[in-house]
């Protein structure tokens, strides 16, 4: 008669004592305590977006500073002095009379 190893293994597993239920590495105290503590706080959408907004604001600030710097250093920028242009227009208007 051939032994049925699967049936014997299943029988031994049913008769064996269950493993202890204790979780290792203070899982209950640390992780579940943090979950319980965060569940008490109200949901704030800003806290969800803050990790995205911080780098985006930094990049936007850096780009705006770079644009201002390049705008001041640009040689192709036409110089417009509205005071001198207004003065020349007034002089031309007075001389044509």
Protein backbone atom coordinates (compact mmCIF):
# COMPACT_ATOMS: atom_id res chain seq x y z
CA UNK A 1 0.00 0.00 0.00
CA UNK A 2 1.33 3.41 -1.00
CA UNK A 3 1.51 6.18 1.60
CA UNK A 4 -0.40 9.36 0.86
CA UNK A 5 2.06 12.02 1.99
CA UNK A 6 -0.27 14.96 1.33
CA UNK A 7 -2.95 13.57 3.65
CA UNK A 8 -0.39 12.95 6.37
CA UNK A 9 0.99 16.44 6.03
CA UNK A 10 -2.50 17.97 6.19
CA UNK A 11 -3.29 15.88 9.29
CA UNK A 12 -0.08 17.03 11.02
CA UNK A 13 -0.83 20.65 10.13
CA UNK A 14 -4.32 20.40 11.65
CA UNK A 15 -2.98 18.86 14.85
CA UNK A 16 -0.09 21.32 15.24
CA UNK A 17 -0.39 24.17 17.72
CA UNK A 18 -0.88 27.60 16.16
CA UNK A 19 2.04 29.99 15.98
CA UNK A 20 2.14 32.87 18.44
CA UNK A 21 0.09 35.88 17.32
CA UNK A 22 2.61 38.44 18.56
CA UNK A 23 3.99 40.71 15.85
CA UNK A 24 7.77 41.17 15.69
CA UNK A 25 9.82 44.37 15.95
CA UNK A 26 7.25 46.40 17.93
CA UNK A 27 5.02 46.61 14.87
CA UNK A 28 1.91 47.18 16.93
CA UNK A 29 3.34 50.01 18.98
CA UNK A 30 5.14 51.89 16.20
CA UNK A 31 3.27 51.40 12.96
CA UNK A 32 -0.25 50.88 14.20
CA UNK A 33 0.19 53.69 16.74
CA UNK A 34 1.18 56.07 13.94
CA UNK A 35 -1.83 54.96 11.90
CA UNK A 36 -4.16 55.55 14.83
CA UNK A 37 -2.61 58.95 15.52
CA UNK A 38 -2.90 60.08 11.90
CA UNK A 39 -6.51 58.92 11.76
CA UNK A 40 -7.42 61.42 14.48
CA UNK A 41 -6.18 64.42 12.52
CA UNK A 42 -8.53 65.99 9.97
CA UNK A 43 -7.66 65.55 6.31
CA UNK A 44 -5.86 68.54 4.86
CA UNK A 45 -5.45 68.71 1.05
CA UNK A 46 -2.50 71.07 1.43
CA UNK A 47 -0.53 68.36 3.21
CA UNK A 48 -1.06 66.08 0.22
CA UNK A 49 0.11 68.71 -2.30
CA UNK A 50 2.96 70.14 -0.22
CA UNK A 51 5.61 67.64 -1.43
CA UNK A 52 4.76 68.64 -5.02
CA UNK A 53 4.43 72.38 -4.40
CA UNK A 54 7.77 72.89 -2.64
CA UNK A 55 9.98 71.86 -5.56
CA UNK A 56 7.63 73.52 -8.07
CA UNK A 57 7.84 76.84 -6.22
CA UNK A 58 11.62 76.52 -6.00
CA UNK A 59 11.93 75.88 -9.73
CA UNK A 60 9.56 78.75 -10.53
CA UNK A 61 11.58 81.11 -8.32
CA UNK A 62 14.86 80.03 -9.92
CA UNK A 63 13.46 80.46 -13.44
CA UNK A 64 12.08 83.92 -12.63
CA UNK A 65 15.43 85.05 -11.18
CA UNK A 66 17.24 83.69 -14.25
CA UNK A 67 14.81 85.49 -16.58
CA UNK A 68 15.27 88.77 -14.71
CA UNK A 69 19.04 88.39 -14.83
CA UNK A 70 19.06 87.57 -18.55
CA UNK A 71 16.65 90.41 -19.28
CA UNK A 72 18.99 92.93 -17.66
CA UNK A 73 22.06 91.51 -19.42
CA UNK A 74 20.46 91.31 -22.85
CA UNK A 75 22.32 93.42 -25.45
CA UNK A 76 19.51 93.23 -28.02
CA UNK A 77 17.10 94.95 -25.66
CA UNK A 78 16.11 98.38 -27.03
CA UNK A 79 16.60 101.17 -24.56
CA UNK A 80 13.46 103.18 -24.07
CA UNK A 81 13.65 106.26 -21.95
CA UNK A 82 10.15 107.61 -21.83
CA UNK A 83 11.23 110.92 -20.29
CA UNK A 84 13.65 111.74 -23.09
CA UNK A 85 11.17 110.61 -25.74
CA UNK A 86 8.45 112.80 -24.24
CA UNK A 87 10.85 115.74 -24.08
CA UNK A 88 11.81 115.33 -27.73
CA UNK A 89 8.16 115.11 -28.78
CA UNK A 90 7.37 118.32 -26.87
CA UNK A 91 10.36 120.08 -28.49
CA UNK A 92 9.27 119.00 -31.95
CA UNK A 93 5.73 120.17 -31.27
CA UNK A 94 6.95 123.58 -30.04
CA UNK A 95 9.35 124.06 -32.98
CA UNK A 96 6.72 123.24 -35.58
CA UNK A 97 4.49 126.11 -34.42
